[in-house]
C-alpha atoms as a PDB file:
ATOM      1  CA  MET A   1      71.546  95.601-117.869  1.00  0.00           C
ATOM      2  CA  ASN A   2      70.987  94.599-121.391  1.00  0.00           C
ATOM      3  CA  GLN A   3      73.805  96.940-122.829  1.00  0.00           C
ATOM      4  CA  HIS A   4      76.215  95.476-120.549  1.00  0.00           C
ATOM      5  CA  ARG A   5      74.828  91.994-120.990  1.00  0.00           C
ATOM      6  CA  ILE A   6      74.256  91.343-117.305  1.00  0.00           C
ATOM      7  CA  GLY A   7      71.792  89.262-115.491  1.00  0.00           C
ATOM      8  CA  SER A   8      70.854  91.058-112.072  1.00  0.00           C
ATOM      9  CA  VAL A   9      71.771  94.526-110.531  1.00  0.00           C
ATOM     10  CA  VAL A  10      71.999  95.168-106.500  1.00  0.00           C
ATOM     11  CA  VAL A  11      70.180  97.807-105.503  1.00  0.00           C
ATOM     12  CA  ALA A  12      71.672  99.621-102.650  1.00  0.00           C
ATOM     13  CA  GLU A  13      71.165 102.409-100.445  1.00  0.00           C
ATOM     14  CA  GLU A  14      73.766 104.014 -98.465  1.00  0.00           C
ATOM     15  CA  ASP A  15      76.357 100.615 -99.343  1.00  0.00           C
ATOM     16  CA  ARG A  16      73.368  98.439 -98.086  1.00  0.00           C
ATOM     17  CA  ALA A  17      71.482  96.123-100.339  1.00  0.00           C
ATOM     18  CA  ILE A  18      67.981  96.725-100.132  1.00  0.00           C
ATOM     19  CA  GLY A  19      66.769  94.430-103.464  1.00  0.00           C
ATOM     20  CA  ILE A  20      68.149  92.955-106.492  1.00  0.00           C
ATOM     21  CA  LEU A  21      66.786  93.601-110.266  1.00  0.00           C
ATOM     22  CA  THR A  22      66.413  90.629-112.483  1.00  0.00           C
ATOM     23  CA  GLY A  23      66.057  89.808-116.033  1.00  0.00           C
ATOM     24  CA  GLY A  24      63.144  88.085-114.852  1.00  0.00           C
ATOM     25  CA  ASP A  25      61.726  90.678-112.378  1.00  0.00           C
ATOM     26  CA  VAL A  26      61.734  93.160-115.805  1.00  0.00           C
ATOM     27  CA  LEU A  27      60.177  90.319-117.637  1.00  0.00           C
ATOM     28  CA  GLN A  28      57.690  89.798-115.144  1.00  0.00           C
ATOM     29  CA  GLY A  29      56.904  93.626-115.233  1.00  0.00           C
ATOM     30  CA  ILE A  30      56.541  93.440-119.155  1.00  0.00           C
ATOM     31  CA  ARG A  31      54.116  90.635-118.717  1.00  0.00           C
ATOM     32  CA  LYS A  32      51.853  92.536-116.043  1.00  0.00           C
ATOM     33  CA  GLY A  33      51.687  95.258-118.502  1.00  0.00           C
ATOM     34  CA  ARG A  34      52.991  97.846-115.583  1.00  0.00           C
ATOM     35  CA  LEU A  35      56.624  98.409-117.208  1.00  0.00           C
ATOM     36  CA  ASP A  36      56.685 101.900-118.602  1.00  0.00           C
ATOM     37  CA  ILE A  37      60.480 102.155-119.111  1.00  0.00           C
ATOM     38  CA  LYS A  38      60.514 105.946-118.534  1.00  0.00           C
ATOM     39  CA  SER A  39      58.515 106.463-115.491  1.00  0.00           C
ATOM     40  CA  THR A  40      58.595 102.622-113.369  1.00  0.00           C
ATOM     41  CA  LYS A  41      61.312 103.028-110.497  1.00  0.00           C
ATOM     42  CA  VAL A  42      63.505 100.198-110.024  1.00  0.00           C
ATOM     43  CA  ARG A  43      62.281  99.888-106.442  1.00  0.00           C
ATOM     44  CA  ASP A  44      58.831  98.775-108.134  1.00  0.00           C
ATOM     45  CA  LEU A  45      60.475  95.652-109.740  1.00  0.00           C
ATOM     46  CA  MET A  46      62.998  94.590-107.728  1.00  0.00           C
ATOM     47  CA  SER A  47      63.048  91.764-105.526  1.00  0.00           C
ATOM     48  CA  LYS A  48      62.926  92.322-102.223  1.00  0.00           C
ATOM     49  CA  PRO A  49      63.616  91.754 -99.260  1.00  0.00           C
ATOM     50  CA  ILE A  50      66.915  90.790-100.317  1.00  0.00           C
ATOM     51  CA  ILE A  51      68.251  87.483 -99.355  1.00  0.00           C
ATOM     52  CA  GLN A  52      72.254  88.230 -98.639  1.00  0.00           C
ATOM     53  CA  ILE A  53      75.066  86.105 -97.122  1.00  0.00           C
ATOM     54  CA  SER A  54      78.055  87.413 -95.509  1.00  0.00           C
ATOM     55  CA  ASP A  55      81.467  87.158 -97.028  1.00  0.00           C
ATOM     56  CA  ASN A  56      82.667  84.957 -94.188  1.00  0.00           C
ATOM     57  CA  SER A  57      80.293  82.090 -95.275  1.00  0.00           C
ATOM     58  CA  SER A  58      81.396  78.958 -97.131  1.00  0.00           C
ATOM     59  CA  ALA A  59      80.332  78.433-100.691  1.00  0.00           C
ATOM     60  CA  ASP A  60      78.486  75.521 -99.394  1.00  0.00           C
ATOM     61  CA  GLU A  61      76.245  77.614 -97.170  1.00  0.00           C
ATOM     62  CA  ALA A  62      75.852  79.866-100.232  1.00  0.00           C
ATOM     63  CA  LEU A  63      74.472  76.782-102.343  1.00  0.00           C
ATOM     64  CA  ALA A  64      72.469  76.037 -99.738  1.00  0.00           C
ATOM     65  CA  ILE A  65      70.501  79.172 -99.188  1.00  0.00           C
ATOM     66  CA  MET A  66      70.272  79.317-103.243  1.00  0.00           C
ATOM     67  CA  ARG A  67      68.708  75.789-103.263  1.00  0.00           C
ATOM     68  CA  ILE A  68      66.418  76.415-100.247  1.00  0.00           C
ATOM     69  CA  ARG A  69      65.407  80.154-101.497  1.00  0.00           C
ATOM     70  CA  ASN A  70      65.157  79.324-105.014  1.00  0.00           C
ATOM     71  CA  VAL A  71      67.632  81.673-106.038  1.00  0.00           C
ATOM     72  CA  LYS A  72      70.866  81.751-108.546  1.00  0.00           C
ATOM     73  CA  LYS A  73      72.684  85.174-107.255  1.00  0.00           C
ATOM     74  CA  LEU A  74      73.346  86.635-103.517  1.00  0.00           C
ATOM     75  CA  PRO A  75      74.641  89.640-102.459  1.00  0.00           C
ATOM     76  CA  VAL A  76      77.815  89.353-100.389  1.00  0.00           C
ATOM     77  CA  THR A  77      77.875  91.551 -97.401  1.00  0.00           C
ATOM     78  CA  SER A  78      80.556  92.359 -94.521  1.00  0.00           C
ATOM     79  CA  GLU A  79      79.648  93.931 -91.644  1.00  0.00           C
ATOM     80  CA  GLY A  80      76.393  94.977 -93.172  1.00  0.00           C
ATOM     81  CA  ARG A  81      77.880  96.737 -96.477  1.00  0.00           C
ATOM     82  CA  LEU A  82      77.417  95.153-100.052  1.00  0.00           C
ATOM     83  CA  VAL A  83      80.803  94.051-101.175  1.00  0.00           C
ATOM     84  CA  GLY A  84      80.172  91.668-104.189  1.00  0.00           C
ATOM     85  CA  ILE A  85      77.677  89.173-105.525  1.00  0.00           C
ATOM     86  CA  VAL A  86      78.230  85.527-105.890  1.00  0.00           C
ATOM     87  CA  THR A  87      76.203  83.163-108.383  1.00  0.00           C
ATOM     88  CA  SER A  88      75.379  79.357-108.401  1.00  0.00           C
ATOM     89  CA  ASN A  89      77.787  79.639-111.749  1.00  0.00           C
ATOM     90  CA  ASP A  90      80.228  81.327-109.632  1.00  0.00           C
ATOM     91  CA  ILE A  91      80.543  78.458-107.344  1.00  0.00           C
ATOM     92  CA  PHE A  92      80.413  75.659-109.836  1.00  0.00           C
ATOM     93  CA  ARG A  93      83.104  77.323-111.865  1.00  0.00           C
ATOM     94  CA  ALA A  94      85.357  77.498-109.082  1.00  0.00           C
ATOM     95  CA  ALA A  95      84.588  73.923-107.991  1.00  0.00           C
ATOM     96  CA  SER A  96      85.532  72.661-111.228  1.00  0.00           C
ATOM     97  CA  LEU A  97      88.888  74.362-111.503  1.00  0.00           C
ATOM     98  CA  ILE A  98      89.555  72.596-107.731  1.00  0.00           C
ATOM     99  CA  SER A  99      88.567  68.861-109.012  1.00  0.00           C
END
């Protein structure tokens, strides 16, 4: 994540999102003293269960879920399979281009 300058990684098994690992998850692991980079598994740090949204949902629905669940990133699924991720910044950027 640091090398590619990204804030989160969706964790998937067979194209199905099962969790999300964020920079905050990693920092929390460090604070709790349970982060040994060589032996800690992603599944032990990731946020789960995952909060996700369908690719047919509106941007308004996505923002509502983000607000209610206090998250900034939502994995996007189509027929249960992971197809992308949308962030609050993505939506705000798109809205500013439309206005």
